[in-house]
Amino acid sequence: MSVLLYLHGFNGSPQSKKAIQTQQWLALNAPEIRFLCPSLPPFAIATLKMLQSIVEDHLSEPVFVVGSSMGGFFATCLIEQYNLRGVLINPAVSPARGLDQWLGENANYVTGEKWVFEKNHVEEFRQIDPSHLSHLENYLVLLQTGDEVLDCRDAQARYTGAKIILEQGGDHGFIDYDQHLAVIHQFLISDSTIN
């Protein structure tokens, strides 16, 4: 079996709409792919260590990664470290630049769990940000120009040379994401052997 690791956005949860849509689509159309969607903490080093452990536990089988927003940033870290194939949806680019607004106490959007974000946590994102991308052929990047949180031009510049689908309008949540799941699946499996 192969594994699809879905990475939700910052301060989100595995109950995100796109995570659930991905899981349901795979169950119906690609049951040979195991779906994993861990709950990601808001701290960069802790998240990356957790994800590295998950990937390393499954290196005997194909591992694919799909990441939305901040999940796209972590997906990039994994794609570069492990030479994985992945899909990014409105990904965060060098996110340390915009995280000061989170300093102080916060609550998870879904669970309500409280957490505190400090300056050193912003610095963690800067530390793990890949300085350059070596595996551009491994990326499919889905962008919508109407993203109200992130400027899609940042991702266009960052992932120049990768396969990019740019749609006019839309929003940060990526309107009609579920209509792209067949294309996402085809991209992920196009260069791998599914057991």
N, C-alpha and C. Protein backbone atom coordinates (compact mmCIF):
# COMPACT_ATOMS: atom_id res chain seq x y z
N MET A 1 0.83 -1.20 0.00
CA MET A 1 0.00 0.00 0.00
C MET A 1 0.86 1.25 0.00
N SER A 2 0.31 2.30 -0.51
CA SER A 2 0.97 3.59 -0.41
C SER A 2 0.20 4.45 0.60
N VAL A 3 0.81 5.57 0.96
CA VAL A 3 0.27 6.42 2.01
C VAL A 3 0.12 7.84 1.47
N LEU A 4 -1.01 8.46 1.73
CA LEU A 4 -1.17 9.88 1.46
C LEU A 4 -1.25 10.60 2.80
N LEU A 5 -0.29 11.49 3.00
CA LEU A 5 -0.21 12.27 4.23
C LEU A 5 -0.80 13.65 3.94
N TYR A 6 -1.96 13.93 4.55
CA TYR A 6 -2.62 15.22 4.34
C TYR A 6 -2.27 16.15 5.50
N LEU A 7 -1.81 17.36 5.16
CA LEU A 7 -1.38 18.33 6.17
C LEU A 7 -2.30 19.55 6.14
N HIS A 8 -3.03 19.73 7.23
CA HIS A 8 -3.97 20.85 7.32
C HIS A 8 -3.24 22.16 7.59
N GLY A 9 -3.97 23.25 7.55
CA GLY A 9 -3.38 24.58 7.72
C GLY A 9 -3.10 24.94 9.17
N PHE A 10 -2.50 26.10 9.34
CA PHE A 10 -2.10 26.60 10.66
C PHE A 10 -3.31 26.79 11.56
N ASN A 11 -3.22 26.26 12.77
CA ASN A 11 -4.29 26.37 13.77
C ASN A 11 -5.57 25.67 13.31
N GLY A 12 -5.41 24.71 12.38
CA GLY A 12 -6.55 23.94 11.89
C GLY A 12 -6.62 22.58 12.56
N SER A 13 -7.24 21.63 11.86
CA SER A 13 -7.37 20.29 12.43
C SER A 13 -7.64 19.28 11.32
N PRO A 14 -7.53 17.99 11.66
CA PRO A 14 -7.86 16.94 10.68
C PRO A 14 -9.33 16.95 10.26
N GLN A 15 -10.17 17.73 10.94
CA GLN A 15 -11.58 17.84 10.55
C GLN A 15 -11.80 18.91 9.48
N SER A 16 -10.71 19.42 8.89
CA SER A 16 -10.88 20.44 7.85
C SER A 16 -11.66 19.86 6.67
N LYS A 17 -12.39 20.73 5.99
CA LYS A 17 -13.24 20.30 4.87
C LYS A 17 -12.43 19.57 3.80
N LYS A 18 -11.27 20.12 3.43
CA LYS A 18 -10.48 19.50 2.36
C LYS A 18 -9.91 18.15 2.79
N ALA A 19 -9.53 18.04 4.07
CA ALA A 19 -9.02 16.75 4.57
C ALA A 19 -10.11 15.69 4.44
N ILE A 20 -11.32 16.03 4.86
CA ILE A 20 -12.43 15.07 4.81
C ILE A 20 -12.78 14.73 3.36
N GLN A 21 -12.78 15.74 2.48
CA GLN A 21 -13.06 15.47 1.07
C GLN A 21 -12.01 14.54 0.47
N THR A 22 -10.75 14.75 0.83
CA THR A 22 -9.67 13.91 0.31
C THR A 22 -9.83 12.48 0.79
N GLN A 23 -10.09 12.33 2.08
CA GLN A 23 -10.26 10.99 2.65
C GLN A 23 -11.42 10.25 1.99
N GLN A 24 -12.55 10.94 1.82
CA GLN A 24 -13.73 10.30 1.22
C GLN A 24 -13.47 9.94 -0.24
N TRP A 25 -12.79 10.82 -0.98
CA TRP A 25 -12.51 10.53 -2.40
C TRP A 25 -11.61 9.30 -2.52
N LEU A 26 -10.57 9.24 -1.69
CA LEU A 26 -9.67 8.09 -1.75
C LEU A 26 -10.39 6.79 -1.40
N ALA A 27 -11.24 6.84 -0.39
CA ALA A 27 -11.97 5.63 0.02
C ALA A 27 -12.80 5.08 -1.14
N LEU A 28 -13.38 5.98 -1.94
CA LEU A 28 -14.23 5.56 -3.06
C LEU A 28 -13.43 5.20 -4.31
N ASN A 29 -12.36 5.94 -4.57
CA ASN A 29 -11.68 5.85 -5.87
C ASN A 29 -10.29 5.25 -5.84
N ALA A 30 -9.64 5.24 -4.69
CA ALA A 30 -8.28 4.72 -4.60
C ALA A 30 -8.07 4.07 -3.23
N PRO A 31 -8.84 3.02 -2.93
CA PRO A 31 -8.77 2.41 -1.59
C PRO A 31 -7.41 1.79 -1.28
N GLU A 32 -6.57 1.64 -2.31
CA GLU A 32 -5.23 1.09 -2.07
C GLU A 32 -4.28 2.13 -1.46
N ILE A 33 -4.73 3.37 -1.35
CA ILE A 33 -3.92 4.42 -0.73
C ILE A 33 -4.44 4.67 0.68
N ARG A 34 -3.57 4.50 1.67
CA ARG A 34 -3.95 4.75 3.06
C ARG A 34 -3.86 6.24 3.35
N PHE A 35 -4.90 6.80 3.96
CA PHE A 35 -4.99 8.23 4.26
C PHE A 35 -4.57 8.48 5.70
N LEU A 36 -3.63 9.40 5.88
CA LEU A 36 -3.20 9.82 7.21
C LEU A 36 -3.33 11.34 7.31
N CYS A 37 -3.92 11.82 8.39
CA CYS A 37 -4.04 13.26 8.60
C CYS A 37 -3.82 13.56 10.08
N PRO A 38 -2.56 13.74 10.46
CA PRO A 38 -2.27 14.01 11.87
C PRO A 38 -2.70 15.42 12.28
N SER A 39 -2.94 15.58 13.54
CA SER A 39 -3.24 16.90 14.10
C SER A 39 -1.92 17.62 14.32
N LEU A 40 -1.71 18.72 13.60
CA LEU A 40 -0.42 19.42 13.62
C LEU A 40 -0.41 20.52 14.67
N PRO A 41 0.60 20.51 15.54
CA PRO A 41 0.71 21.60 16.51
C PRO A 41 1.11 22.90 15.79
N PRO A 42 0.92 24.05 16.44
CA PRO A 42 1.26 25.32 15.80
C PRO A 42 2.74 25.67 15.86
N PHE A 43 3.57 24.72 16.27
CA PHE A 43 4.99 24.97 16.46
C PHE A 43 5.80 24.21 15.41
N ALA A 44 6.70 24.92 14.71
CA ALA A 44 7.37 24.37 13.53
C ALA A 44 8.23 23.15 13.82
N ILE A 45 9.10 23.23 14.82
CA ILE A 45 10.03 22.12 15.07
C ILE A 45 9.26 20.88 15.50
N ALA A 46 8.29 21.05 16.40
CA ALA A 46 7.49 19.91 16.86
C ALA A 46 6.74 19.27 15.70
N THR A 47 6.16 20.10 14.84
CA THR A 47 5.43 19.58 13.69
C THR A 47 6.36 18.83 12.74
N LEU A 48 7.49 19.43 12.41
CA LEU A 48 8.39 18.78 11.46
C LEU A 48 8.91 17.46 12.02
N LYS A 49 9.25 17.41 13.29
CA LYS A 49 9.73 16.14 13.88
C LYS A 49 8.65 15.07 13.81
N MET A 50 7.41 15.44 14.11
CA MET A 50 6.31 14.49 14.03
C MET A 50 6.16 13.96 12.60
N LEU A 51 6.21 14.86 11.63
CA LEU A 51 6.02 14.46 10.24
C LEU A 51 7.19 13.62 9.72
N GLN A 52 8.40 13.97 10.12
CA GLN A 52 9.56 13.16 9.74
C GLN A 52 9.42 11.74 10.26
N SER A 53 8.95 11.61 11.49
CA SER A 53 8.76 10.29 12.09
C SER A 53 7.72 9.48 11.31
N ILE A 54 6.62 10.13 10.93
CA ILE A 54 5.58 9.44 10.16
C ILE A 54 6.13 8.98 8.81
N VAL A 55 6.82 9.88 8.10
CA VAL A 55 7.38 9.51 6.79
C VAL A 55 8.37 8.37 6.94
N GLU A 56 9.25 8.46 7.93
CA GLU A 56 10.28 7.42 8.09
C GLU A 56 9.67 6.07 8.47
N ASP A 57 8.53 6.08 9.13
CA ASP A 57 7.83 4.83 9.45
C ASP A 57 7.24 4.17 8.21
N HIS A 58 7.11 4.92 7.10
CA HIS A 58 6.46 4.40 5.90
C HIS A 58 7.36 4.41 4.67
N LEU A 59 8.66 4.52 4.86
CA LEU A 59 9.56 4.64 3.70
C LEU A 59 9.63 3.38 2.86
N SER A 60 9.11 2.26 3.36
CA SER A 60 9.12 1.03 2.57
C SER A 60 8.01 1.04 1.51
N GLU A 61 7.17 2.06 1.53
CA GLU A 61 6.07 2.16 0.57
C GLU A 61 6.03 3.58 0.03
N PRO A 62 5.39 3.80 -1.12
CA PRO A 62 5.28 5.17 -1.62
C PRO A 62 4.55 6.06 -0.63
N VAL A 63 5.10 7.24 -0.39
CA VAL A 63 4.47 8.24 0.47
C VAL A 63 4.23 9.49 -0.36
N PHE A 64 2.97 9.95 -0.36
CA PHE A 64 2.59 11.18 -1.05
C PHE A 64 2.17 12.19 0.02
N VAL A 65 2.30 13.46 -0.31
CA VAL A 65 1.92 14.48 0.66
C VAL A 65 1.06 15.54 -0.03
N VAL A 66 -0.01 15.93 0.65
CA VAL A 66 -0.88 17.02 0.19
C VAL A 66 -0.98 18.01 1.35
N GLY A 67 -0.69 19.27 1.08
CA GLY A 67 -0.71 20.26 2.15
C GLY A 67 -1.42 21.53 1.75
N SER A 68 -2.25 22.04 2.65
CA SER A 68 -3.00 23.27 2.42
C SER A 68 -2.45 24.38 3.30
N SER A 69 -2.21 25.55 2.71
CA SER A 69 -1.75 26.72 3.44
C SER A 69 -0.46 26.40 4.20
N MET A 70 -0.45 26.48 5.55
CA MET A 70 0.76 26.13 6.27
C MET A 70 1.13 24.67 6.06
N GLY A 71 0.13 23.83 5.84
CA GLY A 71 0.41 22.44 5.51
C GLY A 71 1.23 22.33 4.23
N GLY A 72 1.03 23.28 3.30
CA GLY A 72 1.83 23.31 2.07
C GLY A 72 3.28 23.64 2.36
N PHE A 73 3.51 24.48 3.35
CA PHE A 73 4.89 24.78 3.76
C PHE A 73 5.56 23.52 4.31
N PHE A 74 4.87 22.81 5.21
CA PHE A 74 5.46 21.59 5.77
C PHE A 74 5.60 20.50 4.70
N ALA A 75 4.65 20.44 3.78
CA ALA A 75 4.78 19.49 2.67
C ALA A 75 6.04 19.78 1.87
N THR A 76 6.34 21.07 1.65
CA THR A 76 7.56 21.45 0.94
C THR A 76 8.80 20.95 1.68
N CYS A 77 8.82 21.12 2.99
CA CYS A 77 9.95 20.63 3.79
C CYS A 77 10.14 19.12 3.59
N LEU A 78 9.05 18.36 3.58
CA LEU A 78 9.13 16.90 3.43
C LEU A 78 9.51 16.50 2.01
N ILE A 79 8.94 17.18 1.02
CA ILE A 79 9.26 16.87 -0.38
C ILE A 79 10.75 17.07 -0.62
N GLU A 80 11.29 18.15 -0.08
CA GLU A 80 12.72 18.42 -0.28
C GLU A 80 13.60 17.44 0.48
N GLN A 81 13.21 17.07 1.69
CA GLN A 81 14.05 16.17 2.49
C GLN A 81 14.01 14.73 1.98
N TYR A 82 12.83 14.27 1.56
CA TYR A 82 12.65 12.84 1.25
C TYR A 82 12.38 12.57 -0.23
N ASN A 83 12.41 13.61 -1.09
CA ASN A 83 12.16 13.43 -2.51
C ASN A 83 10.79 12.79 -2.76
N LEU A 84 9.76 13.30 -2.07
CA LEU A 84 8.40 12.80 -2.22
C LEU A 84 7.69 13.57 -3.33
N ARG A 85 6.55 13.02 -3.79
CA ARG A 85 5.66 13.76 -4.68
C ARG A 85 4.58 14.40 -3.83
N GLY A 86 4.22 15.64 -4.19
CA GLY A 86 3.23 16.30 -3.35
C GLY A 86 2.43 17.36 -4.08
N VAL A 87 1.31 17.70 -3.47
CA VAL A 87 0.40 18.71 -3.99
C VAL A 87 0.22 19.78 -2.91
N LEU A 88 0.37 21.03 -3.31
CA LEU A 88 0.22 22.16 -2.40
C LEU A 88 -1.00 22.96 -2.81
N ILE A 89 -1.82 23.32 -1.82
CA ILE A 89 -3.02 24.10 -2.09
C ILE A 89 -2.87 25.46 -1.40
N ASN A 90 -2.82 26.53 -2.20
CA ASN A 90 -2.61 27.88 -1.65
C ASN A 90 -1.56 27.85 -0.53
N PRO A 91 -0.33 27.40 -0.84
CA PRO A 91 0.65 27.18 0.23
C PRO A 91 1.21 28.46 0.83
N ALA A 92 1.55 28.36 2.11
CA ALA A 92 2.28 29.44 2.78
C ALA A 92 3.73 29.42 2.29
N VAL A 93 4.26 30.58 1.95
CA VAL A 93 5.63 30.72 1.47
C VAL A 93 6.42 31.52 2.50
N SER A 94 7.51 30.94 2.99
CA SER A 94 8.32 31.60 4.03
C SER A 94 7.42 32.22 5.10
N PRO A 95 6.66 31.39 5.81
CA PRO A 95 5.60 31.90 6.68
C PRO A 95 6.06 32.70 7.89
N ALA A 96 7.33 32.63 8.26
CA ALA A 96 7.80 33.41 9.41
C ALA A 96 7.49 34.89 9.24
N ARG A 97 7.41 35.34 7.97
CA ARG A 97 7.16 36.76 7.70
C ARG A 97 5.83 37.25 8.27
N GLY A 98 4.84 36.38 8.37
CA GLY A 98 3.51 36.84 8.75
C GLY A 98 2.99 36.32 10.08
N LEU A 99 3.87 35.71 10.86
CA LEU A 99 3.39 35.05 12.08
C LEU A 99 3.37 35.93 13.32
N ASP A 100 3.91 37.14 13.25
CA ASP A 100 3.91 38.01 14.43
C ASP A 100 2.48 38.29 14.93
N GLN A 101 1.51 38.26 14.02
CA GLN A 101 0.13 38.52 14.41
C GLN A 101 -0.42 37.45 15.36
N TRP A 102 0.27 36.31 15.45
CA TRP A 102 -0.17 35.21 16.31
C TRP A 102 0.46 35.26 17.70
N LEU A 103 1.38 36.21 17.93
CA LEU A 103 2.06 36.26 19.22
C LEU A 103 1.04 36.42 20.36
N GLY A 104 1.25 35.66 21.44
CA GLY A 104 0.34 35.70 22.57
C GLY A 104 -0.52 34.45 22.63
N GLU A 105 -1.65 34.54 23.35
CA GLU A 105 -2.52 33.37 23.51
C GLU A 105 -3.49 33.26 22.35
N ASN A 106 -3.69 32.03 21.89
CA ASN A 106 -4.59 31.73 20.78
C ASN A 106 -5.45 30.52 21.15
N ALA A 107 -6.46 30.27 20.35
CA ALA A 107 -7.29 29.08 20.52
C ALA A 107 -7.46 28.41 19.16
N ASN A 108 -7.39 27.08 19.16
CA ASN A 108 -7.57 26.33 17.92
C ASN A 108 -8.96 26.58 17.35
N TYR A 109 -9.03 26.79 16.03
CA TYR A 109 -10.29 27.10 15.35
C TYR A 109 -11.36 26.04 15.61
N VAL A 110 -10.94 24.77 15.67
CA VAL A 110 -11.89 23.67 15.73
C VAL A 110 -12.07 23.16 17.16
N THR A 111 -10.96 22.90 17.85
CA THR A 111 -11.03 22.25 19.16
C THR A 111 -11.20 23.25 20.31
N GLY A 112 -10.82 24.51 20.06
CA GLY A 112 -10.86 25.50 21.13
C GLY A 112 -9.68 25.43 22.08
N GLU A 113 -8.79 24.46 21.85
CA GLU A 113 -7.62 24.30 22.72
C GLU A 113 -6.76 25.57 22.69
N LYS A 114 -6.35 26.02 23.88
CA LYS A 114 -5.55 27.25 23.99
C LYS A 114 -4.06 26.93 23.83
N TRP A 115 -3.34 27.87 23.21
CA TRP A 115 -1.89 27.73 23.06
C TRP A 115 -1.27 29.11 22.98
N VAL A 116 0.01 29.20 23.33
CA VAL A 116 0.71 30.48 23.39
C VAL A 116 1.84 30.47 22.37
N PHE A 117 1.90 31.52 21.58
CA PHE A 117 2.91 31.65 20.51
C PHE A 117 3.88 32.77 20.91
N GLU A 118 5.18 32.46 20.88
CA GLU A 118 6.20 33.42 21.30
C GLU A 118 7.17 33.68 20.15
N LYS A 119 8.04 34.69 20.33
CA LYS A 119 8.99 35.08 19.27
C LYS A 119 9.84 33.90 18.81
N ASN A 120 10.30 33.05 19.75
CA ASN A 120 11.14 31.92 19.36
C ASN A 120 10.38 30.93 18.46
N HIS A 121 9.05 30.90 18.58
CA HIS A 121 8.27 30.02 17.71
C HIS A 121 8.24 30.54 16.28
N VAL A 122 8.22 31.86 16.13
CA VAL A 122 8.32 32.44 14.79
C VAL A 122 9.68 32.09 14.19
N GLU A 123 10.72 32.19 15.00
CA GLU A 123 12.07 31.90 14.53
C GLU A 123 12.22 30.45 14.08
N GLU A 124 11.50 29.54 14.72
CA GLU A 124 11.54 28.13 14.30
C GLU A 124 11.13 27.97 12.84
N PHE A 125 10.10 28.71 12.43
CA PHE A 125 9.66 28.62 11.03
C PHE A 125 10.75 29.13 10.09
N ARG A 126 11.47 30.16 10.51
CA ARG A 126 12.57 30.68 9.70
C ARG A 126 13.69 29.64 9.58
N GLN A 127 13.97 28.95 10.68
CA GLN A 127 15.06 27.96 10.70
C GLN A 127 14.83 26.80 9.74
N ILE A 128 13.58 26.34 9.63
CA ILE A 128 13.34 25.13 8.82
C ILE A 128 12.94 25.45 7.39
N ASP A 129 12.80 26.72 7.03
CA ASP A 129 12.39 27.12 5.69
C ASP A 129 13.45 26.70 4.67
N PRO A 130 13.12 25.81 3.72
CA PRO A 130 14.14 25.39 2.74
C PRO A 130 14.69 26.60 1.96
N SER A 131 16.01 26.68 1.85
CA SER A 131 16.62 27.83 1.18
C SER A 131 16.42 27.78 -0.33
N HIS A 132 16.34 26.59 -0.89
CA HIS A 132 16.05 26.45 -2.33
C HIS A 132 15.34 25.11 -2.54
N LEU A 133 14.68 24.99 -3.68
CA LEU A 133 13.92 23.78 -4.00
C LEU A 133 14.66 22.97 -5.05
N SER A 134 14.92 21.71 -4.74
CA SER A 134 15.70 20.84 -5.63
C SER A 134 14.84 19.84 -6.39
N HIS A 135 13.57 19.72 -6.03
CA HIS A 135 12.72 18.67 -6.62
C HIS A 135 11.45 19.26 -7.23
N LEU A 136 11.61 20.29 -8.05
CA LEU A 136 10.44 21.00 -8.58
C LEU A 136 9.51 20.08 -9.39
N GLU A 137 10.07 19.03 -9.98
CA GLU A 137 9.24 18.11 -10.77
C GLU A 137 8.27 17.32 -9.88
N ASN A 138 8.50 17.35 -8.57
CA ASN A 138 7.67 16.59 -7.64
C ASN A 138 6.43 17.35 -7.16
N TYR A 139 6.28 18.60 -7.60
CA TYR A 139 5.21 19.45 -7.07
C TYR A 139 4.09 19.69 -8.08
N LEU A 140 2.87 19.66 -7.56
CA LEU A 140 1.72 20.24 -8.25
C LEU A 140 1.19 21.31 -7.28
N VAL A 141 1.09 22.55 -7.75
CA VAL A 141 0.70 23.66 -6.89
C VAL A 141 -0.63 24.22 -7.40
N LEU A 142 -1.65 24.20 -6.53
CA LEU A 142 -2.97 24.72 -6.87
C LEU A 142 -3.14 26.08 -6.21
N LEU A 143 -3.39 27.10 -7.03
CA LEU A 143 -3.51 28.47 -6.52
C LEU A 143 -4.80 29.11 -7.03
N GLN A 144 -5.39 29.95 -6.18
CA GLN A 144 -6.51 30.78 -6.62
C GLN A 144 -6.18 32.24 -6.33
N THR A 145 -6.42 33.09 -7.33
CA THR A 145 -6.03 34.49 -7.21
C THR A 145 -6.84 35.23 -6.14
N GLY A 146 -8.01 34.69 -5.78
CA GLY A 146 -8.85 35.34 -4.79
C GLY A 146 -8.49 35.01 -3.35
N ASP A 147 -7.37 34.31 -3.15
CA ASP A 147 -6.92 33.97 -1.79
C ASP A 147 -6.79 35.26 -0.98
N GLU A 148 -7.60 35.38 0.07
CA GLU A 148 -7.62 36.61 0.87
C GLU A 148 -6.60 36.59 2.00
N VAL A 149 -5.90 35.46 2.20
CA VAL A 149 -4.93 35.33 3.29
C VAL A 149 -3.50 35.43 2.77
N LEU A 150 -3.23 34.74 1.67
CA LEU A 150 -1.88 34.69 1.10
C LEU A 150 -1.90 35.20 -0.34
N ASP A 151 -0.84 35.90 -0.72
CA ASP A 151 -0.72 36.41 -2.09
C ASP A 151 -0.20 35.28 -2.98
N CYS A 152 -1.01 34.86 -3.94
CA CYS A 152 -0.63 33.72 -4.78
C CYS A 152 0.64 34.00 -5.59
N ARG A 153 0.99 35.28 -5.77
CA ARG A 153 2.21 35.58 -6.53
C ARG A 153 3.46 35.11 -5.80
N ASP A 154 3.41 35.06 -4.46
CA ASP A 154 4.54 34.52 -3.70
C ASP A 154 4.79 33.06 -4.07
N ALA A 155 3.70 32.28 -4.12
CA ALA A 155 3.84 30.87 -4.46
C ALA A 155 4.23 30.69 -5.92
N GLN A 156 3.69 31.53 -6.82
CA GLN A 156 4.08 31.44 -8.23
C GLN A 156 5.59 31.62 -8.38
N ALA A 157 6.14 32.58 -7.64
CA ALA A 157 7.57 32.84 -7.71
C ALA A 157 8.37 31.70 -7.06
N ARG A 158 7.93 31.26 -5.90
CA ARG A 158 8.65 30.23 -5.15
C ARG A 158 8.71 28.92 -5.92
N TYR A 159 7.62 28.56 -6.59
CA TYR A 159 7.53 27.24 -7.25
C TYR A 159 7.67 27.34 -8.76
N THR A 160 8.32 28.38 -9.25
CA THR A 160 8.57 28.50 -10.69
C THR A 160 9.33 27.26 -11.16
N GLY A 161 8.81 26.62 -12.20
CA GLY A 161 9.42 25.39 -12.71
C GLY A 161 8.62 24.16 -12.31
N ALA A 162 7.75 24.30 -11.32
CA ALA A 162 6.85 23.21 -10.93
C ALA A 162 5.58 23.30 -11.75
N LYS A 163 4.76 22.25 -11.69
CA LYS A 163 3.45 22.29 -12.35
C LYS A 163 2.52 23.13 -11.48
N ILE A 164 1.99 24.22 -12.03
CA ILE A 164 1.12 25.13 -11.29
C ILE A 164 -0.21 25.25 -12.01
N ILE A 165 -1.29 25.11 -11.25
CA ILE A 165 -2.63 25.39 -11.76
C ILE A 165 -3.10 26.66 -11.06
N LEU A 166 -3.29 27.72 -11.84
CA LEU A 166 -3.70 29.01 -11.29
C LEU A 166 -5.11 29.31 -11.77
N GLU A 167 -6.04 29.47 -10.83
CA GLU A 167 -7.42 29.77 -11.16
C GLU A 167 -7.76 31.19 -10.72
N GLN A 168 -8.54 31.88 -11.53
CA GLN A 168 -8.98 33.23 -11.19
C GLN A 168 -10.08 33.14 -10.13
N GLY A 169 -10.08 34.11 -9.22
CA GLY A 169 -11.10 34.13 -8.17
C GLY A 169 -10.78 33.13 -7.08
N GLY A 170 -11.84 32.56 -6.51
CA GLY A 170 -11.64 31.59 -5.44
C GLY A 170 -11.37 32.27 -4.11
N ASP A 171 -10.80 31.49 -3.19
CA ASP A 171 -10.46 32.02 -1.87
C ASP A 171 -9.38 31.17 -1.23
N HIS A 172 -9.02 31.50 0.02
CA HIS A 172 -7.93 30.78 0.68
C HIS A 172 -8.27 29.30 0.90
N GLY A 173 -9.54 29.01 1.12
CA GLY A 173 -9.95 27.62 1.31
C GLY A 173 -9.93 26.80 0.03
N PHE A 174 -9.77 27.43 -1.11
CA PHE A 174 -9.72 26.85 -2.44
C PHE A 174 -11.10 26.28 -2.83
N ILE A 175 -11.90 27.16 -3.42
CA ILE A 175 -13.25 26.81 -3.85
C ILE A 175 -13.20 25.66 -4.87
N ASP A 176 -14.11 24.71 -4.71
CA ASP A 176 -14.23 23.53 -5.59
C ASP A 176 -13.00 22.63 -5.55
N TYR A 177 -12.33 22.59 -4.41
CA TYR A 177 -11.18 21.69 -4.25
C TYR A 177 -11.52 20.25 -4.64
N ASP A 178 -12.71 19.79 -4.22
CA ASP A 178 -13.07 18.40 -4.48
C ASP A 178 -13.12 18.07 -5.97
N GLN A 179 -13.31 19.09 -6.82
CA GLN A 179 -13.33 18.87 -8.27
C GLN A 179 -11.93 18.60 -8.82
N HIS A 180 -10.90 18.79 -8.01
CA HIS A 180 -9.52 18.60 -8.45
C HIS A 180 -8.92 17.29 -7.95
N LEU A 181 -9.67 16.51 -7.19
CA LEU A 181 -9.08 15.33 -6.55
C LEU A 181 -8.64 14.27 -7.55
N ALA A 182 -9.35 14.11 -8.65
CA ALA A 182 -8.91 13.14 -9.66
C ALA A 182 -7.57 13.57 -10.26
N VAL A 183 -7.42 14.87 -10.54
CA VAL A 183 -6.15 15.39 -11.08
C VAL A 183 -5.04 15.24 -10.05
N ILE A 184 -5.34 15.53 -8.80
CA ILE A 184 -4.34 15.37 -7.73
C ILE A 184 -3.88 13.92 -7.64
N HIS A 185 -4.83 12.99 -7.65
CA HIS A 185 -4.50 11.57 -7.57
C HIS A 185 -3.63 11.16 -8.76
N GLN A 186 -4.03 11.58 -9.95
CA GLN A 186 -3.27 11.21 -11.15
C GLN A 186 -1.84 11.74 -11.07
N PHE A 187 -1.68 12.97 -10.62
CA PHE A 187 -0.33 13.53 -10.49
C PHE A 187 0.50 12.73 -9.49
N LEU A 188 -0.08 12.40 -8.37
CA LEU A 188 0.69 11.70 -7.33
C LEU A 188 1.14 10.32 -7.78
N ILE A 189 0.27 9.59 -8.45
CA ILE A 189 0.63 8.21 -8.82
C ILE A 189 1.35 8.12 -10.16
N SER A 190 1.46 9.22 -10.88
CA SER A 190 1.97 9.16 -12.26
C SER A 190 3.42 8.71 -12.34
N ASP A 191 4.15 8.82 -11.26
CA ASP A 191 5.56 8.45 -11.33
C ASP A 191 5.94 7.47 -10.22
N SER A 192 4.96 6.66 -9.81
CA SER A 192 5.25 5.73 -8.72
C SER A 192 4.56 4.41 -8.99
N THR A 193 4.96 3.41 -8.25
CA THR A 193 4.35 2.11 -8.35
C THR A 193 3.46 1.89 -7.14
N ILE A 194 2.17 1.71 -7.40
CA ILE A 194 1.23 1.44 -6.32
C ILE A 194 1.17 -0.07 -6.10
N ASN A 195 1.36 -0.48 -4.86
CA ASN A 195 1.31 -1.93 -4.56
C ASN A 195 -0.15 -2.38 -4.44
